[in-house]
Amino acid sequence: MKITDHVYLVASGKWGFGISQEIDCNVYMIDTGEGCILIDSGTGLETEKMDAVIESHGFSVKDIRAVLLTHYHGDHACGAARIQKISGCKIYAPELEAKAIESGDEKATSLEGAKGSLYPADFVYPEADEVIGLTDGEMVVIGNVALKVYMCPGHSLQDMVIFGQIDGKNCLFSGDFVFSHGQVLIQSLYDVSIYPYAEAMRRIAKMPIEAIFPGHGVFCLENGVEYVKAAEAKFNSGLLPQQLYYFT
């Protein structure tokens, strides 16, 4: 699905647009003019579906230069190792989560307890050749696209969001940090933290965001900062924002 001149949605499961494996997150592809960047990578299951979408737009998995993982949960990160093997691309992730992705640590990534429920019972977190850890404020630049990352712990140990100007718009790829109309996703996992989540939301709400591309559900091309401000307002009231709709 072509969203803007250089941004594509190439995977999305049943909690989004239903164009790939059913538990895939939204996977966005950015054409930089010198290869492509993927934001997140899906589960790595039924990969022919995502590959077909990429090819329908005149690209190949081999054109991917970098995969930026917003966090280490399986529906976002488990497809990266396969893509790296095919394309030789670099994989980037939040610094505190990078080693768990690289080693396929199913306990650290909370996959261990989700097998047989959210994930198939025989699902395996694949090891990657190398995952480069990013810190707050670092940049990834490929071709004519410069992306800056911000660490936003809360949904997991060290979620990150990705900000850059693409096709003349200030774009935020928000992963599972914030969704449509200020929804969030707070799970009963060991690394979820409410107060840091609220503090991160206040910080990101100050950014000049126009387009916002969440990890599940719908994206928005205008006034995307209002999604963040809606979640911020709920946190500021001392309450929790609305839970992402498919978990209510």
C-alpha atoms as a PDB file:
ATOM      1  CA  MET A   1       0.000   0.000   0.000  1.00  0.00           C
ATOM      2  CA  LYS A   2       1.535   3.303  -1.085  1.00  0.00           C
ATOM      3  CA  ILE A   3       0.823   5.960   1.534  1.00  0.00           C
ATOM      4  CA  THR A   4       2.918   8.910   0.351  1.00  0.00           C
ATOM      5  CA  ASP A   5       5.408   9.301  -2.497  1.00  0.00           C
ATOM      6  CA  HIS A   6       8.116   7.480  -0.538  1.00  0.00           C
ATOM      7  CA  VAL A   7       6.343   5.694   2.354  1.00  0.00           C
ATOM      8  CA  TYR A   8       4.660   2.320   1.933  1.00  0.00           C
ATOM      9  CA  LEU A   9       2.786  -0.069   4.216  1.00  0.00           C
ATOM     10  CA  VAL A  10       4.185  -3.509   3.329  1.00  0.00           C
ATOM     11  CA  ALA A  11       2.805  -5.673   6.142  1.00  0.00           C
ATOM     12  CA  SER A  12      -0.143  -5.415   8.514  1.00  0.00           C
ATOM     13  CA  GLY A  13      -2.074  -8.170  10.258  1.00  0.00           C
ATOM     14  CA  LYS A  14      -5.578  -8.569  11.645  1.00  0.00           C
ATOM     15  CA  TRP A  15      -5.154  -5.586  13.992  1.00  0.00           C
ATOM     16  CA  GLY A  16      -4.484  -3.338  11.033  1.00  0.00           C
ATOM     17  CA  PHE A  17      -5.108  -3.721   7.302  1.00  0.00           C
ATOM     18  CA  GLY A  18      -4.943  -7.504   6.889  1.00  0.00           C
ATOM     19  CA  ILE A  19      -2.367  -7.610   4.096  1.00  0.00           C
ATOM     20  CA  SER A  20       0.102 -10.057   5.652  1.00  0.00           C
ATOM     21  CA  GLN A  21       0.401 -12.698   8.397  1.00  0.00           C
ATOM     22  CA  GLU A  22      -2.391 -12.159  10.910  1.00  0.00           C
ATOM     23  CA  ILE A  23      -0.265 -11.186  13.920  1.00  0.00           C
ATOM     24  CA  ASP A  24       2.154  -8.957  12.014  1.00  0.00           C
ATOM     25  CA  CYS A  25       2.460  -5.389  13.165  1.00  0.00           C
ATOM     26  CA  ASN A  26       2.307  -2.561  10.639  1.00  0.00           C
ATOM     27  CA  VAL A  27       5.599  -2.620   8.732  1.00  0.00           C
ATOM     28  CA  TYR A  28       6.459   0.589   6.904  1.00  0.00           C
ATOM     29  CA  MET A  29       8.965   0.883   4.078  1.00  0.00           C
ATOM     30  CA  ILE A  30      10.698   4.155   3.176  1.00  0.00           C
ATOM     31  CA  ASP A  31      12.292   4.619  -0.245  1.00  0.00           C
ATOM     32  CA  THR A  32      15.411   6.721   0.384  1.00  0.00           C
ATOM     33  CA  GLY A  33      16.595   6.915  -3.207  1.00  0.00           C
ATOM     34  CA  GLU A  34      19.562   4.747  -2.203  1.00  0.00           C
ATOM     35  CA  GLY A  35      17.772   1.676  -0.964  1.00  0.00           C
ATOM     36  CA  CYS A  36      14.909   1.182   1.468  1.00  0.00           C
ATOM     37  CA  ILE A  37      14.424   1.392   5.230  1.00  0.00           C
ATOM     38  CA  LEU A  38      11.936  -0.838   7.025  1.00  0.00           C
ATOM     39  CA  ILE A  39      10.336   0.347  10.234  1.00  0.00           C
ATOM     40  CA  ASP A  40       9.756  -2.905  12.150  1.00  0.00           C
ATOM     41  CA  SER A  41       9.739  -6.289  10.451  1.00  0.00           C
ATOM     42  CA  GLY A  42       6.679  -8.335  11.416  1.00  0.00           C
ATOM     43  CA  THR A  43       6.726 -11.863  12.824  1.00  0.00           C
ATOM     44  CA  GLY A  44       8.744 -13.558  10.109  1.00  0.00           C
ATOM     45  CA  LEU A  45       5.787 -15.892   9.431  1.00  0.00           C
ATOM     46  CA  GLU A  46       4.165 -16.279   5.987  1.00  0.00           C
ATOM     47  CA  THR A  47       6.825 -13.932   4.686  1.00  0.00           C
ATOM     48  CA  GLU A  48       5.794 -14.427   1.079  1.00  0.00           C
ATOM     49  CA  LYS A  49       2.874 -12.068   1.749  1.00  0.00           C
ATOM     50  CA  MET A  50       5.064  -9.127   2.761  1.00  0.00           C
ATOM     51  CA  ASP A  51       7.559  -9.917   0.006  1.00  0.00           C
ATOM     52  CA  ALA A  52       4.753  -9.826  -2.570  1.00  0.00           C
ATOM     53  CA  VAL A  53       3.610  -6.394  -1.376  1.00  0.00           C
ATOM     54  CA  ILE A  54       7.167  -5.057  -1.597  1.00  0.00           C
ATOM     55  CA  GLU A  55       7.540  -6.487  -5.106  1.00  0.00           C
ATOM     56  CA  SER A  56       4.195  -5.034  -6.203  1.00  0.00           C
ATOM     57  CA  HIS A  57       5.718  -1.583  -5.741  1.00  0.00           C
ATOM     58  CA  GLY A  58       8.783  -2.378  -7.821  1.00  0.00           C
ATOM     59  CA  PHE A  59      11.165  -3.197  -4.968  1.00  0.00           C
ATOM     60  CA  SER A  60      12.746  -6.360  -3.579  1.00  0.00           C
ATOM     61  CA  VAL A  61      13.722  -7.499  -0.104  1.00  0.00           C
ATOM     62  CA  LYS A  62      17.294  -7.225  -1.398  1.00  0.00           C
ATOM     63  CA  ASP A  63      16.758  -3.440  -1.702  1.00  0.00           C
ATOM     64  CA  ILE A  64      16.431  -3.061   2.082  1.00  0.00           C
ATOM     65  CA  ARG A  65      19.436  -1.238   3.543  1.00  0.00           C
ATOM     66  CA  ALA A  66      18.272  -0.984   7.164  1.00  0.00           C
ATOM     67  CA  VAL A  67      15.607  -2.290   9.521  1.00  0.00           C
ATOM     68  CA  LEU A  68      14.752  -0.052  12.482  1.00  0.00           C
ATOM     69  CA  LEU A  69      12.982  -1.984  15.228  1.00  0.00           C
ATOM     70  CA  THR A  70      10.884   0.103  17.598  1.00  0.00           C
ATOM     71  CA  HIS A  71      11.103  -2.617  20.272  1.00  0.00           C
ATOM     72  CA  TYR A  72      11.790  -6.306  20.775  1.00  0.00           C
ATOM     73  CA  HIS A  73       8.325  -7.886  20.848  1.00  0.00           C
ATOM     74  CA  GLY A  74       7.970 -10.727  18.375  1.00  0.00           C
ATOM     75  CA  ASP A  75       5.310  -9.212  16.128  1.00  0.00           C
ATOM     76  CA  HIS A  76       7.653  -6.278  15.452  1.00  0.00           C
ATOM     77  CA  ALA A  77      11.133  -7.805  15.526  1.00  0.00           C
ATOM     78  CA  CYS A  78      11.136 -11.493  14.576  1.00  0.00           C
ATOM     79  CA  GLY A  79      11.145 -10.878  10.833  1.00  0.00           C
ATOM     80  CA  ALA A  80      14.384  -8.891  10.903  1.00  0.00           C
ATOM     81  CA  ALA A  81      16.886 -11.782  10.944  1.00  0.00           C
ATOM     82  CA  ARG A  82      15.494 -13.246   7.713  1.00  0.00           C
ATOM     83  CA  ILE A  83      15.620  -9.882   5.974  1.00  0.00           C
ATOM     84  CA  GLN A  84      19.196  -9.362   7.139  1.00  0.00           C
ATOM     85  CA  LYS A  85      20.236 -12.735   5.702  1.00  0.00           C
ATOM     86  CA  ILE A  86      18.675 -11.933   2.312  1.00  0.00           C
ATOM     87  CA  SER A  87      19.738  -8.309   1.940  1.00  0.00           C
ATOM     88  CA  GLY A  88      22.770  -7.899   4.205  1.00  0.00           C
ATOM     89  CA  CYS A  89      21.012  -4.907   5.772  1.00  0.00           C
ATOM     90  CA  LYS A  90      21.822  -3.404   9.144  1.00  0.00           C
ATOM     91  CA  ILE A  91      19.389  -3.934  12.005  1.00  0.00           C
ATOM     92  CA  TYR A  92      18.944  -1.145  14.548  1.00  0.00           C
ATOM     93  CA  ALA A  93      17.034  -1.307  17.840  1.00  0.00           C
ATOM     94  CA  PRO A  94      16.910   0.434  21.229  1.00  0.00           C
ATOM     95  CA  GLU A  95      20.257  -0.088  22.987  1.00  0.00           C
ATOM     96  CA  LEU A  96      18.808  -1.903  26.004  1.00  0.00           C
ATOM     97  CA  GLU A  97      16.859  -4.321  23.814  1.00  0.00           C
ATOM     98  CA  ALA A  98      19.386  -4.955  21.033  1.00  0.00           C
ATOM     99  CA  LYS A  99      21.184  -7.920  22.603  1.00  0.00           C
ATOM    100  CA  ALA A 100      17.935  -9.739  23.348  1.00  0.00           C
ATOM    101  CA  ILE A 101      16.928  -9.385  19.689  1.00  0.00           C
ATOM    102  CA  GLU A 102      20.359 -10.482  18.492  1.00  0.00           C
ATOM    103  CA  SER A 103      20.397 -13.607  20.665  1.00  0.00           C
ATOM    104  CA  GLY A 104      16.701 -14.465  20.314  1.00  0.00           C
ATOM    105  CA  ASP A 105      16.180 -14.261  24.081  1.00  0.00           C
ATOM    106  CA  GLU A 106      12.604 -15.446  24.501  1.00  0.00           C
ATOM    107  CA  LYS A 107      12.464 -14.662  28.216  1.00  0.00           C
ATOM    108  CA  ALA A 108      13.707 -11.073  27.937  1.00  0.00           C
ATOM    109  CA  THR A 109      11.395 -10.366  25.013  1.00  0.00           C
ATOM    110  CA  SER A 110       8.370 -11.873  26.852  1.00  0.00           C
ATOM    111  CA  LEU A 111       7.807 -14.354  24.030  1.00  0.00           C
ATOM    112  CA  GLU A 112       8.215 -17.297  26.408  1.00  0.00           C
ATOM    113  CA  GLY A 113       4.856 -16.762  28.105  1.00  0.00           C
ATOM    114  CA  ALA A 114       2.963 -15.845  24.935  1.00  0.00           C
ATOM    115  CA  LYS A 115       3.540 -19.100  23.048  1.00  0.00           C
ATOM    116  CA  GLY A 116       0.354 -21.034  22.495  1.00  0.00           C
ATOM    117  CA  SER A 117      -1.785 -17.934  22.969  1.00  0.00           C
ATOM    118  CA  LEU A 118      -0.745 -14.876  20.976  1.00  0.00           C
ATOM    119  CA  TYR A 119       1.988 -16.786  19.103  1.00  0.00           C
ATOM    120  CA  PRO A 120       1.975 -20.369  17.792  1.00  0.00           C
ATOM    121  CA  ALA A 121       3.221 -22.918  20.337  1.00  0.00           C
ATOM    122  CA  ASP A 122       6.213 -23.770  18.150  1.00  0.00           C
ATOM    123  CA  PHE A 123       7.159 -20.171  17.383  1.00  0.00           C
ATOM    124  CA  VAL A 124      10.895 -19.450  17.715  1.00  0.00           C
ATOM    125  CA  TYR A 125      12.594 -16.081  18.122  1.00  0.00           C
ATOM    126  CA  PRO A 126      15.337 -16.146  15.450  1.00  0.00           C
ATOM    127  CA  GLU A 127      18.874 -15.010  16.177  1.00  0.00           C
ATOM    128  CA  ALA A 128      20.272 -12.143  14.099  1.00  0.00           C
ATOM    129  CA  ASP A 129      23.853 -11.729  12.929  1.00  0.00           C
ATOM    130  CA  GLU A 130      24.171  -8.284  14.524  1.00  0.00           C
ATOM    131  CA  VAL A 131      21.809  -5.716  16.011  1.00  0.00           C
ATOM    132  CA  ILE A 132      23.104  -2.178  16.462  1.00  0.00           C
ATOM    133  CA  GLY A 133      21.898  -0.513  19.654  1.00  0.00           C
ATOM    134  CA  LEU A 134      20.746   3.093  19.374  1.00  0.00           C
ATOM    135  CA  THR A 135      20.637   5.692  22.133  1.00  0.00           C
ATOM    136  CA  ASP A 136      18.338   8.659  22.557  1.00  0.00           C
ATOM    137  CA  GLY A 137      18.837  11.317  19.890  1.00  0.00           C
ATOM    138  CA  GLU A 138      20.924   9.211  17.503  1.00  0.00           C
ATOM    139  CA  MET A 139      20.421   9.556  13.766  1.00  0.00           C
ATOM    140  CA  VAL A 140      20.220   6.978  10.993  1.00  0.00           C
ATOM    141  CA  VAL A 141      20.809   8.505   7.571  1.00  0.00           C
ATOM    142  CA  ILE A 142      20.403   6.655   4.275  1.00  0.00           C
ATOM    143  CA  GLY A 143      20.066   8.404   0.942  1.00  0.00           C
ATOM    144  CA  ASN A 144      17.881  11.473   1.319  1.00  0.00           C
ATOM    145  CA  VAL A 145      16.215  10.293   4.539  1.00  0.00           C
ATOM    146  CA  ALA A 146      17.464  11.243   8.021  1.00  0.00           C
ATOM    147  CA  LEU A 147      15.699   9.634  10.979  1.00  0.00           C
ATOM    148  CA  LYS A 148      16.151  10.561  14.631  1.00  0.00           C
ATOM    149  CA  VAL A 149      15.247   8.155  17.421  1.00  0.00           C
ATOM    150  CA  TYR A 150      13.807   8.892  20.845  1.00  0.00           C
ATOM    151  CA  MET A 151      13.659   6.395  23.701  1.00  0.00           C
ATOM    152  CA  CYS A 152      10.183   6.046  25.179  1.00  0.00           C
ATOM    153  CA  PRO A 153      10.130   3.273  27.799  1.00  0.00           C
ATOM    154  CA  GLY A 154       6.744   2.124  29.020  1.00  0.00           C
ATOM    155  CA  HIS A 155       5.225  -0.406  26.645  1.00  0.00           C
ATOM    156  CA  SER A 156       8.458  -2.384  26.929  1.00  0.00           C
ATOM    157  CA  LEU A 157      11.868  -1.925  28.508  1.00  0.00           C
ATOM    158  CA  GLN A 158      13.047   0.748  26.062  1.00  0.00           C
ATOM    159  CA  ASP A 159      10.624   1.433  23.218  1.00  0.00           C
ATOM    160  CA  MET A 160      11.782   3.941  20.669  1.00  0.00           C
ATOM    161  CA  VAL A 161       9.915   6.189  18.275  1.00  0.00           C
ATOM    162  CA  ILE A 162      11.415   7.404  15.004  1.00  0.00           C
ATOM    163  CA  PHE A 163      11.072  10.951  13.674  1.00  0.00           C
ATOM    164  CA  GLY A 164      12.025  12.461  10.336  1.00  0.00           C
ATOM    165  CA  GLN A 165      10.857  14.653   7.488  1.00  0.00           C
ATOM    166  CA  ILE A 166       9.659  12.628   4.518  1.00  0.00           C
ATOM    167  CA  ASP A 167       7.825  14.003   1.496  1.00  0.00           C
ATOM    168  CA  GLY A 168       7.656  17.397   3.164  1.00  0.00           C
ATOM    169  CA  LYS A 169       5.934  16.115   6.322  1.00  0.00           C
ATOM    170  CA  ASN A 170       7.199  15.706   9.872  1.00  0.00           C
ATOM    171  CA  CYS A 171       6.623  11.985  10.361  1.00  0.00           C
ATOM    172  CA  LEU A 172       6.597   9.931  13.557  1.00  0.00           C
ATOM    173  CA  PHE A 173       6.796   6.141  13.409  1.00  0.00           C
ATOM    174  CA  SER A 174       5.421   5.380  16.839  1.00  0.00           C
ATOM    175  CA  GLY A 175       5.553   1.585  17.087  1.00  0.00           C
ATOM    176  CA  ASP A 176       3.442   0.526  20.086  1.00  0.00           C
ATOM    177  CA  PHE A 177       4.046   3.773  21.960  1.00  0.00           C
ATOM    178  CA  VAL A 178       0.814   5.463  20.879  1.00  0.00           C
ATOM    179  CA  PHE A 179      -2.016   4.632  18.491  1.00  0.00           C
ATOM    180  CA  SER A 180      -5.073   6.221  16.933  1.00  0.00           C
ATOM    181  CA  HIS A 181      -6.843   8.825  19.089  1.00  0.00           C
ATOM    182  CA  GLY A 182      -4.398   8.500  21.973  1.00  0.00           C
ATOM    183  CA  GLN A 183      -4.740   4.773  22.625  1.00  0.00           C
ATOM    184  CA  VAL A 184      -1.844   2.927  24.263  1.00  0.00           C
ATOM    185  CA  LEU A 185      -0.988  -0.702  24.972  1.00  0.00           C
ATOM    186  CA  ILE A 186      -0.210  -1.570  28.585  1.00  0.00           C
ATOM    187  CA  GLN A 187       0.353  -5.293  29.120  1.00  0.00           C
ATOM    188  CA  SER A 188       1.030  -7.378  32.216  1.00  0.00           C
ATOM    189  CA  LEU A 189       4.719  -7.850  31.397  1.00  0.00           C
ATOM    190  CA  TYR A 190       7.772  -7.459  33.613  1.00  0.00           C
ATOM    191  CA  ASP A 191       9.216  -4.494  31.723  1.00  0.00           C
ATOM    192  CA  VAL A 192       6.091  -2.312  31.487  1.00  0.00           C
ATOM    193  CA  SER A 193       6.435   0.955  33.426  1.00  0.00           C
ATOM    194  CA  ILE A 194       3.649   3.515  33.780  1.00  0.00           C
ATOM    195  CA  TYR A 195       5.399   6.657  35.025  1.00  0.00           C
ATOM    196  CA  PRO A 196       8.192   6.567  32.410  1.00  0.00           C
ATOM    197  CA  TYR A 197       5.469   5.993  29.808  1.00  0.00           C
ATOM    198  CA  ALA A 198       3.696   9.176  30.936  1.00  0.00           C
ATOM    199  CA  GLU A 199       6.938  11.175  30.981  1.00  0.00           C
ATOM    200  CA  ALA A 200       7.824  10.030  27.477  1.00  0.00           C
ATOM    201  CA  MET A 201       4.349  10.952  26.216  1.00  0.00           C
ATOM    202  CA  ARG A 202       4.755  14.480  27.593  1.00  0.00           C
ATOM    203  CA  ARG A 203       8.071  14.801  25.803  1.00  0.00           C
ATOM    204  CA  ILE A 204       6.864  13.541  22.416  1.00  0.00           C
ATOM    205  CA  ALA A 205       3.709  15.690  22.623  1.00  0.00           C
ATOM    206  CA  LYS A 206       5.927  18.771  22.244  1.00  0.00           C
ATOM    207  CA  MET A 207       7.217  17.641  18.847  1.00  0.00           C
ATOM    208  CA  PRO A 208       5.910  19.135  15.555  1.00  0.00           C
ATOM    209  CA  ILE A 209       4.350  15.883  14.343  1.00  0.00           C
ATOM    210  CA  GLU A 210       2.187  15.940  11.225  1.00  0.00           C
ATOM    211  CA  ALA A 211       1.979  12.337   9.986  1.00  0.00           C
ATOM    212  CA  ILE A 212       1.960   9.503  12.502  1.00  0.00           C
ATOM    213  CA  PHE A 213       2.439   5.850  11.654  1.00  0.00           C
ATOM    214  CA  PRO A 214       1.560   3.487  14.558  1.00  0.00           C
ATOM    215  CA  GLY A 215       2.537  -0.155  14.873  1.00  0.00           C
ATOM    216  CA  HIS A 216      -1.099  -1.307  14.685  1.00  0.00           C
ATOM    217  CA  GLY A 217      -4.318   0.189  13.413  1.00  0.00           C
ATOM    218  CA  VAL A 218      -4.711   3.271  11.269  1.00  0.00           C
ATOM    219  CA  PHE A 219      -2.150   5.930  10.414  1.00  0.00           C
ATOM    220  CA  CYS A 220      -2.805   9.654  10.095  1.00  0.00           C
ATOM    221  CA  LEU A 221      -1.267  12.141   7.647  1.00  0.00           C
ATOM    222  CA  GLU A 222      -2.360  15.428   9.242  1.00  0.00           C
ATOM    223  CA  ASN A 223      -2.297  16.672  12.853  1.00  0.00           C
ATOM    224  CA  GLY A 224      -0.846  13.399  14.088  1.00  0.00           C
ATOM    225  CA  VAL A 225       0.421  15.123  17.227  1.00  0.00           C
ATOM    226  CA  GLU A 226      -3.186  15.174  18.433  1.00  0.00           C
ATOM    227  CA  TYR A 227      -2.948  11.411  19.004  1.00  0.00           C
ATOM    228  CA  VAL A 228      -0.013  12.018  21.329  1.00  0.00           C
ATOM    229  CA  LYS A 229      -1.662  14.944  23.072  1.00  0.00           C
ATOM    230  CA  ALA A 230      -4.801  12.897  23.735  1.00  0.00           C
ATOM    231  CA  ALA A 231      -2.723  10.259  25.536  1.00  0.00           C
ATOM    232  CA  GLU A 232      -0.748  12.960  27.336  1.00  0.00           C
ATOM    233  CA  ALA A 233      -3.951  14.587  28.617  1.00  0.00           C
ATOM    234  CA  LYS A 234      -5.171  11.306  30.081  1.00  0.00           C
ATOM    235  CA  PHE A 235      -1.826  10.651  31.785  1.00  0.00           C
ATOM    236  CA  ASN A 236      -1.843  14.229  33.111  1.00  0.00           C
ATOM    237  CA  SER A 237      -5.234  13.600  34.718  1.00  0.00           C
ATOM    238  CA  GLY A 238      -3.693  10.789  36.762  1.00  0.00           C
ATOM    239  CA  LEU A 239      -5.453   8.091  34.754  1.00  0.00           C
ATOM    240  CA  LEU A 240      -4.400   5.701  32.011  1.00  0.00           C
ATOM    241  CA  PRO A 241      -5.168   6.400  28.352  1.00  0.00           C
ATOM    242  CA  GLN A 242      -7.618   4.147  26.567  1.00  0.00           C
ATOM    243  CA  GLN A 243      -6.237   0.680  25.849  1.00  0.00           C
ATOM    244  CA  LEU A 244      -5.710  -0.212  22.196  1.00  0.00           C
ATOM    245  CA  TYR A 245      -9.129  -1.217  20.896  1.00  0.00           C
ATOM    246  CA  TYR A 246      -8.475  -4.897  20.161  1.00  0.00           C
ATOM    247  CA  PHE A 247      -7.488  -5.543  23.807  1.00  0.00           C
ATOM    248  CA  THR A 248     -10.637  -3.997  25.318  1.00  0.00           C
END
